[in-house]
Amino acid sequence: MDGAFGAPGRTLSHWPGNHTPSELKHALSTGIACNFVRLSADDQAHFLKGLCAVVNNHFDTDGLMALFALYHPDLALVHSERLIEWASAGDFFWVPSQEAFAVDQLVQLYVDPLQSPLPEVRAASSTEERYRLTTLGLFARIPGWLEHGLGAETERVARAVERLQSDQAQLNATHGVPLVHLDLMVWTLPLGHAPLPGRHALFQAAQSDRVLVLAPTAQGTRVRFLISTLSWFDLPERKALPRPDLARLVDRLNSLEGLKETAEHAWRAQSTQTASPELWFGASALPMFATHADEELGSSRLDLAQIKAEILEALRSAWVFENEEDTGDLEDIFAV
């Protein structure tokens, strides 16, 4: 299912290296599973011949909904659009609806070893057991969510929803510069100390693979540069641009800053081989897929325009334009 990890059998996944049949392909593993349950009984039986188990190699919203679609095909056929929306809130960090965002937050909450509403999940003796128990617990709840809505469950993630709405309002009040040829959206926030908007609000507003948000303060500039899963997953209708060399960019920025990466605050980045890496200036420990980075960010002393220029150059170095005239709209990014 969700993942492509050399396991024997058949694949229903959007992960890199998958062998999903072309007629079933979709941007999300949940969409692939929904395409599968639409097949005739004979075609399903032919596909499943000789198989005895369904396996995910990790736990997330898309993988969970893909499994749910296979185990509850009747519900999946009726509610495929909502299941796919819920999955996209997880894998693409989009907000197709407030419900979708809330479901993704609930999935993360239910699997949390410390905060899960399920006592058996909190008491699980291994990660695999925690994932299994969370799956079973949510399988018992998802039919009700589909039929009757989230109801009181929304109270569990009310704070996350409120922060999302604040993030969206912040971006709505900020002029974003889209650089279509680089699949990039740039926001420069007003001078101040407001927290930077979160991952879901950024990617939903941008609808691009890369987002750059800069927040000037009296101490310097706080920065988040994020690359989404759009350039990671196998998306049949979308051609991804090559990812920039973030490690090289970190070295370049730290050199300009006069810092070593071992400094308390420095330029850092996650590996471009991961699904949705980020570059930032600040502390060394920023979790993968962090929604917010309020505590981890520091303030770079580099000029804001210089930061933009270096990130843009890294993107341009990874991509060769077919026509130099296509770069004409890039000047907007240097406006401070």
C-alpha atoms as a PDB file:
ATOM      1  CA  MET A   1       0.000   0.000   0.000  1.00  0.00           C
ATOM      2  CA  ASP A   2       1.410   3.378   1.036  1.00  0.00           C
ATOM      3  CA  GLY A   3       5.145   3.027   0.499  1.00  0.00           C
ATOM      4  CA  ALA A   4       7.438   1.352  -2.027  1.00  0.00           C
ATOM      5  CA  PHE A   5       9.997  -0.721  -0.195  1.00  0.00           C
ATOM      6  CA  GLY A   6      10.743  -3.849  -2.224  1.00  0.00           C
ATOM      7  CA  ALA A   7       8.103  -6.023  -0.581  1.00  0.00           C
ATOM      8  CA  PRO A   8       6.817  -8.981  -2.623  1.00  0.00           C
ATOM      9  CA  GLY A   9       3.365  -8.832  -4.142  1.00  0.00           C
ATOM     10  CA  ARG A  10       1.488  -6.010  -5.847  1.00  0.00           C
ATOM     11  CA  THR A  11       1.712  -2.262  -5.305  1.00  0.00           C
ATOM     12  CA  LEU A  12      -1.001   0.339  -4.728  1.00  0.00           C
ATOM     13  CA  SER A  13       1.156   3.329  -3.871  1.00  0.00           C
ATOM     14  CA  HIS A  14       2.244   6.759  -5.109  1.00  0.00           C
ATOM     15  CA  TRP A  15       5.679   6.502  -3.507  1.00  0.00           C
ATOM     16  CA  PRO A  16       8.828   6.820  -5.648  1.00  0.00           C
ATOM     17  CA  GLY A  17       9.751   3.502  -7.211  1.00  0.00           C
ATOM     18  CA  ASN A  18       6.210   2.101  -7.092  1.00  0.00           C
ATOM     19  CA  HIS A  19       4.884  -0.454  -9.559  1.00  0.00           C
ATOM     20  CA  THR A  20       1.249   0.572  -9.407  1.00  0.00           C
ATOM     21  CA  PRO A  21      -0.595  -0.318 -12.642  1.00  0.00           C
ATOM     22  CA  SER A  22      -0.992   2.763 -14.841  1.00  0.00           C
ATOM     23  CA  GLU A  23      -4.781   2.454 -14.963  1.00  0.00           C
ATOM     24  CA  LEU A  24      -4.964   2.771 -11.165  1.00  0.00           C
ATOM     25  CA  LYS A  25      -2.497   5.625 -10.683  1.00  0.00           C
ATOM     26  CA  HIS A  26      -3.494   8.694  -8.696  1.00  0.00           C
ATOM     27  CA  ALA A  27      -1.648  11.478  -6.866  1.00  0.00           C
ATOM     28  CA  LEU A  28      -2.422   9.795  -3.516  1.00  0.00           C
ATOM     29  CA  SER A  29      -2.346   6.201  -2.324  1.00  0.00           C
ATOM     30  CA  THR A  30      -5.917   6.745  -1.105  1.00  0.00           C
ATOM     31  CA  GLY A  31      -6.934   7.697  -4.653  1.00  0.00           C
ATOM     32  CA  ILE A  32      -5.227   4.573  -5.976  1.00  0.00           C
ATOM     33  CA  ALA A  33      -7.098   2.429  -3.430  1.00  0.00           C
ATOM     34  CA  CYS A  34     -10.389   4.073  -4.437  1.00  0.00           C
ATOM     35  CA  ASN A  35      -9.605   3.354  -8.096  1.00  0.00           C
ATOM     36  CA  PHE A  36      -8.969  -0.253  -7.141  1.00  0.00           C
ATOM     37  CA  VAL A  37     -12.315  -0.714  -5.373  1.00  0.00           C
ATOM     38  CA  ARG A  38     -14.044   0.606  -8.528  1.00  0.00           C
ATOM     39  CA  LEU A  39     -12.680  -2.344 -10.516  1.00  0.00           C
ATOM     40  CA  SER A  40     -14.926  -5.270 -11.298  1.00  0.00           C
ATOM     41  CA  ALA A  41     -14.862  -8.217  -8.906  1.00  0.00           C
ATOM     42  CA  ASP A  42     -13.018 -10.303 -11.506  1.00  0.00           C
ATOM     43  CA  ASP A  43     -10.337  -7.652 -12.020  1.00  0.00           C
ATOM     44  CA  GLN A  44      -9.887  -7.260  -8.268  1.00  0.00           C
ATOM     45  CA  ALA A  45      -9.563 -11.030  -7.831  1.00  0.00           C
ATOM     46  CA  HIS A  46      -6.991 -11.210 -10.620  1.00  0.00           C
ATOM     47  CA  PHE A  47      -4.945  -8.421  -9.035  1.00  0.00           C
ATOM     48  CA  LEU A  48      -5.094 -10.014  -5.575  1.00  0.00           C
ATOM     49  CA  LYS A  49      -4.382 -13.599  -6.683  1.00  0.00           C
ATOM     50  CA  GLY A  50      -1.850 -15.191  -4.381  1.00  0.00           C
ATOM     51  CA  LEU A  51      -1.799 -12.307  -1.893  1.00  0.00           C
ATOM     52  CA  CYS A  52      -2.614 -12.765   1.795  1.00  0.00           C
ATOM     53  CA  ALA A  53      -1.915  -9.427   3.507  1.00  0.00           C
ATOM     54  CA  VAL A  54      -2.020  -5.659   3.029  1.00  0.00           C
ATOM     55  CA  VAL A  55       1.040  -3.749   4.265  1.00  0.00           C
ATOM     56  CA  ASN A  56       2.042  -0.115   4.834  1.00  0.00           C
ATOM     57  CA  ASN A  57       5.653   0.647   5.760  1.00  0.00           C
ATOM     58  CA  HIS A  58       4.776   3.765   7.794  1.00  0.00           C
ATOM     59  CA  PHE A  59       1.772   5.397   9.441  1.00  0.00           C
ATOM     60  CA  ASP A  60       0.108   8.557   8.167  1.00  0.00           C
ATOM     61  CA  THR A  61      -3.263   9.855   7.041  1.00  0.00           C
ATOM     62  CA  ASP A  62      -2.945   8.831   3.391  1.00  0.00           C
ATOM     63  CA  GLY A  63      -1.840   5.303   4.221  1.00  0.00           C
ATOM     64  CA  LEU A  64      -4.595   4.943   6.797  1.00  0.00           C
ATOM     65  CA  MET A  65      -7.309   6.092   4.382  1.00  0.00           C
ATOM     66  CA  ALA A  66      -5.932   3.856   1.636  1.00  0.00           C
ATOM     67  CA  LEU A  67      -6.187   0.842   3.944  1.00  0.00           C
ATOM     68  CA  PHE A  68      -9.656   1.937   5.011  1.00  0.00           C
ATOM     69  CA  ALA A  69     -10.801   2.092   1.390  1.00  0.00           C
ATOM     70  CA  LEU A  70      -9.727  -1.513   0.825  1.00  0.00           C
ATOM     71  CA  TYR A  71     -11.316  -2.792   4.030  1.00  0.00           C
ATOM     72  CA  HIS A  72     -14.519  -0.764   3.591  1.00  0.00           C
ATOM     73  CA  PRO A  73     -15.030  -0.572  -0.187  1.00  0.00           C
ATOM     74  CA  ASP A  74     -18.747   0.280   0.046  1.00  0.00           C
ATOM     75  CA  LEU A  75     -18.000   3.373   2.146  1.00  0.00           C
ATOM     76  CA  ALA A  76     -15.018   4.243  -0.048  1.00  0.00           C
ATOM     77  CA  LEU A  77     -17.159   4.238  -3.172  1.00  0.00           C
ATOM     78  CA  VAL A  78     -19.645   6.643  -1.594  1.00  0.00           C
ATOM     79  CA  HIS A  79     -17.133   8.903   0.175  1.00  0.00           C
ATOM     80  CA  SER A  80     -14.042   8.709  -2.058  1.00  0.00           C
ATOM     81  CA  GLU A  81     -13.799  12.504  -2.508  1.00  0.00           C
ATOM     82  CA  ARG A  82     -13.714  13.125   1.235  1.00  0.00           C
ATOM     83  CA  LEU A  83     -11.224  10.326   1.885  1.00  0.00           C
ATOM     84  CA  ILE A  84      -8.955  11.819  -0.783  1.00  0.00           C
ATOM     85  CA  GLU A  85      -9.343  15.307   0.723  1.00  0.00           C
ATOM     86  CA  TRP A  86      -8.392  13.954   4.140  1.00  0.00           C
ATOM     87  CA  ALA A  87      -5.356  12.220   2.650  1.00  0.00           C
ATOM     88  CA  SER A  88      -4.225  15.359   0.806  1.00  0.00           C
ATOM     89  CA  ALA A  89      -4.273  17.324   4.063  1.00  0.00           C
ATOM     90  CA  GLY A  90      -1.738  14.817   5.325  1.00  0.00           C
ATOM     91  CA  ASP A  91       0.542  14.129   2.389  1.00  0.00           C
ATOM     92  CA  PHE A  92       0.426  17.473   0.552  1.00  0.00           C
ATOM     93  CA  PHE A  93      -0.134  19.720   3.595  1.00  0.00           C
ATOM     94  CA  TRP A  94      -3.141  21.225   1.809  1.00  0.00           C
ATOM     95  CA  VAL A  95      -6.394  22.436   3.357  1.00  0.00           C
ATOM     96  CA  PRO A  96      -9.133  21.391   0.936  1.00  0.00           C
ATOM     97  CA  SER A  97     -11.553  21.846   3.836  1.00  0.00           C
ATOM     98  CA  GLN A  98     -11.404  22.546   7.546  1.00  0.00           C
ATOM     99  CA  GLU A  99     -12.716  19.027   8.101  1.00  0.00           C
ATOM    100  CA  ALA A 100      -9.808  17.552   6.122  1.00  0.00           C
ATOM    101  CA  PHE A 101      -7.288  19.491   8.176  1.00  0.00           C
ATOM    102  CA  ALA A 102      -9.007  18.447  11.413  1.00  0.00           C
ATOM    103  CA  VAL A 103      -8.989  14.775  10.384  1.00  0.00           C
ATOM    104  CA  ASP A 104      -5.266  14.888   9.632  1.00  0.00           C
ATOM    105  CA  GLN A 105      -4.651  16.487  13.029  1.00  0.00           C
ATOM    106  CA  LEU A 106      -6.803  13.832  14.700  1.00  0.00           C
ATOM    107  CA  VAL A 107      -4.863  11.031  13.024  1.00  0.00           C
ATOM    108  CA  GLN A 108      -1.632  12.519  14.370  1.00  0.00           C
ATOM    109  CA  LEU A 109      -3.180  12.904  17.812  1.00  0.00           C
ATOM    110  CA  TYR A 110      -4.533   9.342  17.952  1.00  0.00           C
ATOM    111  CA  VAL A 111      -1.129   7.840  17.105  1.00  0.00           C
ATOM    112  CA  ASP A 112       0.765  10.026  19.589  1.00  0.00           C
ATOM    113  CA  PRO A 113       2.339   7.782  22.265  1.00  0.00           C
ATOM    114  CA  LEU A 114       1.780  10.375  24.991  1.00  0.00           C
ATOM    115  CA  GLN A 115      -1.455  12.149  24.027  1.00  0.00           C
ATOM    116  CA  SER A 116      -3.532   9.542  22.186  1.00  0.00           C
ATOM    117  CA  PRO A 117      -7.165   9.330  23.373  1.00  0.00           C
ATOM    118  CA  LEU A 118      -6.735   5.542  23.153  1.00  0.00           C
ATOM    119  CA  PRO A 119      -5.182   4.096  26.343  1.00  0.00           C
ATOM    120  CA  GLU A 120      -4.028   0.982  24.476  1.00  0.00           C
ATOM    121  CA  VAL A 121      -2.015   3.165  22.098  1.00  0.00           C
ATOM    122  CA  ARG A 122      -0.344   4.995  24.979  1.00  0.00           C
ATOM    123  CA  ALA A 123       0.501   1.625  26.553  1.00  0.00           C
ATOM    124  CA  ALA A 124       1.807   0.001  23.353  1.00  0.00           C
ATOM    125  CA  SER A 125       5.191  -1.704  23.788  1.00  0.00           C
ATOM    126  CA  SER A 126       6.507  -0.984  20.279  1.00  0.00           C
ATOM    127  CA  THR A 127       6.031   1.465  17.436  1.00  0.00           C
ATOM    128  CA  GLU A 128       4.559  -1.254  15.220  1.00  0.00           C
ATOM    129  CA  GLU A 129       2.038  -2.181  17.906  1.00  0.00           C
ATOM    130  CA  ARG A 130       1.119   1.482  18.377  1.00  0.00           C
ATOM    131  CA  TYR A 131       0.503   1.857  14.643  1.00  0.00           C
ATOM    132  CA  ARG A 132      -1.620  -1.308  14.556  1.00  0.00           C
ATOM    133  CA  LEU A 133      -3.749  -0.295  17.538  1.00  0.00           C
ATOM    134  CA  THR A 134      -4.220   3.222  16.200  1.00  0.00           C
ATOM    135  CA  THR A 135      -5.350   1.821  12.852  1.00  0.00           C
ATOM    136  CA  LEU A 136      -7.917  -0.416  14.516  1.00  0.00           C
ATOM    137  CA  GLY A 137      -9.113   2.384  16.779  1.00  0.00           C
ATOM    138  CA  LEU A 138      -9.565   4.810  13.896  1.00  0.00           C
ATOM    139  CA  PHE A 139     -11.169   2.188  11.645  1.00  0.00           C
ATOM    140  CA  ALA A 140     -13.892   2.003  14.312  1.00  0.00           C
ATOM    141  CA  ARG A 141     -14.370   5.800  14.179  1.00  0.00           C
ATOM    142  CA  ILE A 142     -13.966   6.729  10.502  1.00  0.00           C
ATOM    143  CA  PRO A 143     -17.384   5.346   9.404  1.00  0.00           C
ATOM    144  CA  GLY A 144     -19.052   7.660  11.923  1.00  0.00           C
ATOM    145  CA  TRP A 145     -16.940  10.611  10.755  1.00  0.00           C
ATOM    146  CA  LEU A 146     -18.014   9.936   7.174  1.00  0.00           C
ATOM    147  CA  GLU A 147     -21.686   9.470   7.970  1.00  0.00           C
ATOM    148  CA  HIS A 148     -22.205  12.067  10.697  1.00  0.00           C
ATOM    149  CA  GLY A 149     -19.209  14.419  10.720  1.00  0.00           C
ATOM    150  CA  LEU A 150     -16.504  14.835  13.350  1.00  0.00           C
ATOM    151  CA  GLY A 151     -18.818  16.121  16.077  1.00  0.00           C
ATOM    152  CA  ALA A 152     -17.141  16.452  19.459  1.00  0.00           C
ATOM    153  CA  GLU A 153     -13.858  15.155  18.022  1.00  0.00           C
ATOM    154  CA  THR A 154     -13.198  18.663  16.686  1.00  0.00           C
ATOM    155  CA  GLU A 155     -12.648  19.833  20.267  1.00  0.00           C
ATOM    156  CA  ARG A 156      -9.553  17.643  20.455  1.00  0.00           C
ATOM    157  CA  VAL A 157      -7.862  19.652  17.692  1.00  0.00           C
ATOM    158  CA  ALA A 158      -9.531  23.039  18.227  1.00  0.00           C
ATOM    159  CA  ARG A 159      -6.232  24.754  19.047  1.00  0.00           C
ATOM    160  CA  ALA A 160      -4.616  23.516  15.821  1.00  0.00           C
ATOM    161  CA  VAL A 161      -7.606  24.710  13.789  1.00  0.00           C
ATOM    162  CA  GLU A 162      -7.480  28.134  15.455  1.00  0.00           C
ATOM    163  CA  ARG A 163      -3.759  28.444  14.677  1.00  0.00           C
ATOM    164  CA  LEU A 164      -4.427  27.450  11.066  1.00  0.00           C
ATOM    165  CA  GLN A 165      -7.044  30.175  10.741  1.00  0.00           C
ATOM    166  CA  SER A 166      -4.592  32.704  12.214  1.00  0.00           C
ATOM    167  CA  ASP A 167      -1.913  31.559   9.750  1.00  0.00           C
ATOM    168  CA  GLN A 168      -4.319  31.904   6.835  1.00  0.00           C
ATOM    169  CA  ALA A 169      -5.326  35.408   7.904  1.00  0.00           C
ATOM    170  CA  GLN A 170      -1.656  36.363   8.154  1.00  0.00           C
ATOM    171  CA  LEU A 171      -0.971  35.190   4.604  1.00  0.00           C
ATOM    172  CA  ASN A 172      -4.140  36.819   3.257  1.00  0.00           C
ATOM    173  CA  ALA A 173      -2.801  40.133   4.538  1.00  0.00           C
ATOM    174  CA  THR A 174       0.601  39.572   2.910  1.00  0.00           C
ATOM    175  CA  HIS A 175       1.456  39.949  -0.769  1.00  0.00           C
ATOM    176  CA  GLY A 176       2.876  36.703  -2.106  1.00  0.00           C
ATOM    177  CA  VAL A 177       5.085  36.655  -5.201  1.00  0.00           C
ATOM    178  CA  PRO A 178       4.533  33.556  -7.372  1.00  0.00           C
ATOM    179  CA  LEU A 179       7.476  32.478  -9.522  1.00  0.00           C
ATOM    180  CA  VAL A 180       5.740  29.956 -11.719  1.00  0.00           C
ATOM    181  CA  HIS A 181       8.802  28.762 -13.616  1.00  0.00           C
ATOM    182  CA  LEU A 182      10.503  27.861 -10.361  1.00  0.00           C
ATOM    183  CA  ASP A 183       7.344  26.396  -8.816  1.00  0.00           C
ATOM    184  CA  LEU A 184       7.909  28.833  -5.940  1.00  0.00           C
ATOM    185  CA  MET A 185       5.853  31.233  -3.826  1.00  0.00           C
ATOM    186  CA  VAL A 186       7.605  33.926  -1.774  1.00  0.00           C
ATOM    187  CA  TRP A 187       6.127  35.851   1.141  1.00  0.00           C
ATOM    188  CA  THR A 188       7.889  38.709   2.915  1.00  0.00           C
ATOM    189  CA  LEU A 189       6.064  39.494   6.143  1.00  0.00           C
ATOM    190  CA  PRO A 190       5.830  42.991   7.624  1.00  0.00           C
ATOM    191  CA  LEU A 191       8.496  44.015  10.135  1.00  0.00           C
ATOM    192  CA  GLY A 192       7.574  42.606  13.527  1.00  0.00           C
ATOM    193  CA  HIS A 193       7.595  39.562  15.757  1.00  0.00           C
ATOM    194  CA  ALA A 194       4.480  37.636  14.751  1.00  0.00           C
ATOM    195  CA  PRO A 195       5.004  33.844  14.507  1.00  0.00           C
ATOM    196  CA  LEU A 196       5.606  32.578  10.996  1.00  0.00           C
ATOM    197  CA  PRO A 197       2.651  30.851   9.339  1.00  0.00           C
ATOM    198  CA  GLY A 198       2.579  27.076   9.401  1.00  0.00           C
ATOM    199  CA  ARG A 199       3.218  24.456   6.780  1.00  0.00           C
ATOM    200  CA  HIS A 200      -0.439  23.778   5.886  1.00  0.00           C
ATOM    201  CA  ALA A 201      -1.344  27.435   5.425  1.00  0.00           C
ATOM    202  CA  LEU A 202       1.797  28.053   3.356  1.00  0.00           C
ATOM    203  CA  PHE A 203       1.334  25.168   0.950  1.00  0.00           C
ATOM    204  CA  GLN A 204      -2.426  25.642   0.624  1.00  0.00           C
ATOM    205  CA  ALA A 205      -2.016  29.312  -0.267  1.00  0.00           C
ATOM    206  CA  ALA A 206       0.906  28.666  -2.615  1.00  0.00           C
ATOM    207  CA  GLN A 207      -0.274  25.550  -4.469  1.00  0.00           C
ATOM    208  CA  SER A 208       3.387  25.222  -5.474  1.00  0.00           C
ATOM    209  CA  ASP A 209       6.171  22.794  -4.657  1.00  0.00           C
ATOM    210  CA  ARG A 210       8.387  25.361  -2.913  1.00  0.00           C
ATOM    211  CA  VAL A 211       7.538  28.125  -0.463  1.00  0.00           C
ATOM    212  CA  LEU A 212       9.789  30.768   1.022  1.00  0.00           C
ATOM    213  CA  VAL A 213       8.653  32.962   3.901  1.00  0.00           C
ATOM    214  CA  LEU A 214      10.827  35.726   5.318  1.00  0.00           C
ATOM    215  CA  ALA A 215      10.065  37.709   8.455  1.00  0.00           C
ATOM    216  CA  PRO A 216      12.269  40.758   9.102  1.00  0.00           C
ATOM    217  CA  THR A 217      12.739  41.777  12.737  1.00  0.00           C
ATOM    218  CA  ALA A 218      14.931  44.268  14.559  1.00  0.00           C
ATOM    219  CA  GLN A 219      17.400  41.418  15.213  1.00  0.00           C
ATOM    220  CA  GLY A 220      17.536  40.121  11.637  1.00  0.00           C
ATOM    221  CA  THR A 221      15.443  37.876   9.395  1.00  0.00           C
ATOM    222  CA  ARG A 222      13.664  34.652  10.273  1.00  0.00           C
ATOM    223  CA  VAL A 223      13.408  32.244   7.357  1.00  0.00           C
ATOM    224  CA  ARG A 224      11.585  29.087   6.364  1.00  0.00           C
ATOM    225  CA  PHE A 225      12.172  27.566   2.918  1.00  0.00           C
ATOM    226  CA  LEU A 226      10.144  24.401   2.394  1.00  0.00           C
ATOM    227  CA  ILE A 227       9.975  21.894  -0.438  1.00  0.00           C
ATOM    228  CA  SER A 228       6.769  19.891  -0.615  1.00  0.00           C
ATOM    229  CA  THR A 229       5.965  16.289  -1.429  1.00  0.00           C
ATOM    230  CA  LEU A 230       4.834  17.365  -4.912  1.00  0.00           C
ATOM    231  CA  SER A 231       8.420  16.780  -6.068  1.00  0.00           C
ATOM    232  CA  TRP A 232       8.705  13.550  -4.089  1.00  0.00           C
ATOM    233  CA  PHE A 233       5.695  11.386  -4.853  1.00  0.00           C
ATOM    234  CA  ASP A 234       4.861   9.849  -8.206  1.00  0.00           C
ATOM    235  CA  LEU A 235       2.218  12.279  -9.462  1.00  0.00           C
ATOM    236  CA  PRO A 236       0.933  11.160 -12.872  1.00  0.00           C
ATOM    237  CA  GLU A 237      -0.280  14.584 -13.992  1.00  0.00           C
ATOM    238  CA  ARG A 238       2.514  16.766 -12.609  1.00  0.00           C
ATOM    239  CA  LYS A 239       6.129  17.078 -13.731  1.00  0.00           C
ATOM    240  CA  ALA A 240       8.391  17.930 -10.810  1.00  0.00           C
ATOM    241  CA  LEU A 241      11.341  20.288 -11.070  1.00  0.00           C
ATOM    242  CA  PRO A 242      14.736  19.045  -9.832  1.00  0.00           C
ATOM    243  CA  ARG A 243      15.308  19.775  -6.167  1.00  0.00           C
ATOM    244  CA  PRO A 244      18.048  22.240  -5.199  1.00  0.00           C
ATOM    245  CA  ASP A 245      21.181  21.165  -3.349  1.00  0.00           C
ATOM    246  CA  LEU A 246      20.227  22.276   0.155  1.00  0.00           C
ATOM    247  CA  ALA A 247      23.462  21.042   1.737  1.00  0.00           C
ATOM    248  CA  ARG A 248      25.496  23.215  -0.627  1.00  0.00           C
ATOM    249  CA  LEU A 249      23.162  26.146   0.015  1.00  0.00           C
ATOM    250  CA  VAL A 250      23.629  25.741   3.776  1.00  0.00           C
ATOM    251  CA  ASP A 251      27.412  25.865   3.348  1.00  0.00           C
ATOM    252  CA  ARG A 252      27.136  28.981   1.206  1.00  0.00           C
ATOM    253  CA  LEU A 253      24.821  30.814   3.608  1.00  0.00           C
ATOM    254  CA  ASN A 254      26.853  29.918   6.686  1.00  0.00           C
ATOM    255  CA  SER A 255      29.989  31.136   4.917  1.00  0.00           C
ATOM    256  CA  LEU A 256      28.311  34.464   4.180  1.00  0.00           C
ATOM    257  CA  GLU A 257      27.047  34.586   7.756  1.00  0.00           C
ATOM    258  CA  GLY A 258      30.507  33.831   9.141  1.00  0.00           C
ATOM    259  CA  LEU A 259      29.197  30.845  11.081  1.00  0.00           C
ATOM    260  CA  LYS A 260      29.848  27.138  11.409  1.00  0.00           C
ATOM    261  CA  GLU A 261      26.872  24.793  11.328  1.00  0.00           C
ATOM    262  CA  THR A 262      27.799  23.732  14.854  1.00  0.00           C
ATOM    263  CA  ALA A 263      26.884  27.207  16.173  1.00  0.00           C
ATOM    264  CA  GLU A 264      23.832  27.452  18.411  1.00  0.00           C
ATOM    265  CA  HIS A 265      21.996  29.260  15.606  1.00  0.00           C
ATOM    266  CA  ALA A 266      23.113  28.676  12.019  1.00  0.00           C
ATOM    267  CA  TRP A 267      21.775  27.803   8.582  1.00  0.00           C
ATOM    268  CA  ARG A 268      20.559  24.229   8.463  1.00  0.00           C
ATOM    269  CA  ALA A 269      18.580  21.964   6.140  1.00  0.00           C
ATOM    270  CA  GLN A 270      17.079  18.518   6.014  1.00  0.00           C
ATOM    271  CA  SER A 271      18.108  16.057   3.314  1.00  0.00           C
ATOM    272  CA  THR A 272      16.563  16.568  -0.128  1.00  0.00           C
ATOM    273  CA  GLN A 273      16.186  12.788  -0.239  1.00  0.00           C
ATOM    274  CA  THR A 274      13.390  13.071   2.326  1.00  0.00           C
ATOM    275  CA  ALA A 275       9.765  13.671   1.389  1.00  0.00           C
ATOM    276  CA  SER A 276       9.389  17.342   2.373  1.00  0.00           C
ATOM    277  CA  PRO A 277      12.675  18.936   3.480  1.00  0.00           C
ATOM    278  CA  GLU A 278      13.122  22.395   4.955  1.00  0.00           C
ATOM    279  CA  LEU A 279      15.892  24.996   5.158  1.00  0.00           C
ATOM    280  CA  TRP A 280      15.963  27.459   8.049  1.00  0.00           C
ATOM    281  CA  PHE A 281      18.188  29.649  10.191  1.00  0.00           C
ATOM    282  CA  GLY A 282      18.099  28.616  13.826  1.00  0.00           C
ATOM    283  CA  ALA A 283      18.521  25.692  16.165  1.00  0.00           C
ATOM    284  CA  SER A 284      19.699  22.300  14.955  1.00  0.00           C
ATOM    285  CA  ALA A 285      16.659  20.288  16.014  1.00  0.00           C
ATOM    286  CA  LEU A 286      13.700  20.948  13.734  1.00  0.00           C
ATOM    287  CA  PRO A 287      11.449  17.881  13.418  1.00  0.00           C
ATOM    288  CA  MET A 288      10.650  16.547   9.972  1.00  0.00           C
ATOM    289  CA  PHE A 289       7.328  17.894   8.660  1.00  0.00           C
ATOM    290  CA  ALA A 290       7.138  20.454  11.470  1.00  0.00           C
ATOM    291  CA  THR A 291       3.931  22.432  11.132  1.00  0.00           C
ATOM    292  CA  HIS A 292       5.410  25.429  12.926  1.00  0.00           C
ATOM    293  CA  ALA A 293       8.938  26.382  13.985  1.00  0.00           C
ATOM    294  CA  ASP A 294       8.247  29.074  16.573  1.00  0.00           C
ATOM    295  CA  GLU A 295      10.879  27.901  19.039  1.00  0.00           C
ATOM    296  CA  GLU A 296      13.530  26.705  16.603  1.00  0.00           C
ATOM    297  CA  LEU A 297      14.004  29.777  14.406  1.00  0.00           C
ATOM    298  CA  GLY A 298      16.689  32.382  14.967  1.00  0.00           C
ATOM    299  CA  SER A 299      17.378  35.643  13.128  1.00  0.00           C
ATOM    300  CA  SER A 300      19.911  35.734  10.315  1.00  0.00           C
ATOM    301  CA  ARG A 301      22.098  38.823  10.063  1.00  0.00           C
ATOM    302  CA  LEU A 302      22.268  38.563   6.267  1.00  0.00           C
ATOM    303  CA  ASP A 303      20.441  41.177   4.230  1.00  0.00           C
ATOM    304  CA  LEU A 304      16.950  40.014   3.349  1.00  0.00           C
ATOM    305  CA  ALA A 305      17.527  40.577  -0.365  1.00  0.00           C
ATOM    306  CA  GLN A 306      20.753  38.570  -0.178  1.00  0.00           C
ATOM    307  CA  ILE A 307      18.942  35.615   1.394  1.00  0.00           C
ATOM    308  CA  LYS A 308      16.390  35.692  -1.396  1.00  0.00           C
ATOM    309  CA  ALA A 309      19.105  35.904  -4.030  1.00  0.00           C
ATOM    310  CA  GLU A 310      21.044  32.927  -2.649  1.00  0.00           C
ATOM    311  CA  ILE A 311      17.970  30.716  -2.433  1.00  0.00           C
ATOM    312  CA  LEU A 312      16.891  31.727  -5.913  1.00  0.00           C
ATOM    313  CA  GLU A 313      20.364  30.972  -7.282  1.00  0.00           C
ATOM    314  CA  ALA A 314      20.235  27.498  -5.716  1.00  0.00           C
ATOM    315  CA  LEU A 315      16.929  26.871  -7.454  1.00  0.00           C
ATOM    316  CA  ARG A 316      18.226  28.172 -10.763  1.00  0.00           C
ATOM    317  CA  SER A 317      21.363  26.040 -10.473  1.00  0.00           C
ATOM    318  CA  ALA A 318      19.208  22.927 -10.262  1.00  0.00           C
ATOM    319  CA  TRP A 319      17.166  23.811 -13.331  1.00  0.00           C
ATOM    320  CA  VAL A 320      18.134  24.739 -16.886  1.00  0.00           C
ATOM    321  CA  PHE A 321      15.579  26.927 -18.632  1.00  0.00           C
ATOM    322  CA  GLU A 322      14.774  26.061 -22.208  1.00  0.00           C
ATOM    323  CA  ASN A 323      14.331  29.744 -23.016  1.00  0.00           C
ATOM    324  CA  GLU A 324      16.190  32.545 -21.232  1.00  0.00           C
ATOM    325  CA  GLU A 325      13.157  34.786 -21.774  1.00  0.00           C
ATOM    326  CA  ASP A 326      11.316  32.559 -19.296  1.00  0.00           C
ATOM    327  CA  THR A 327      13.362  34.079 -16.456  1.00  0.00           C
ATOM    328  CA  GLY A 328      11.994  37.574 -16.988  1.00  0.00           C
ATOM    329  CA  ASP A 329       9.565  37.545 -14.031  1.00  0.00           C
ATOM    330  CA  LEU A 330      12.279  36.644 -11.492  1.00  0.00           C
ATOM    331  CA  GLU A 331      13.096  40.256 -10.663  1.00  0.00           C
ATOM    332  CA  ASP A 332      10.097  40.496  -8.360  1.00  0.00           C
ATOM    333  CA  ILE A 333      11.746  38.214  -5.811  1.00  0.00           C
ATOM    334  CA  PHE A 334      14.407  40.793  -4.992  1.00  0.00           C
ATOM    335  CA  ALA A 335      11.889  43.411  -3.816  1.00  0.00           C
ATOM    336  CA  VAL A 336      12.341  43.954  -0.069  1.00  0.00           C
END
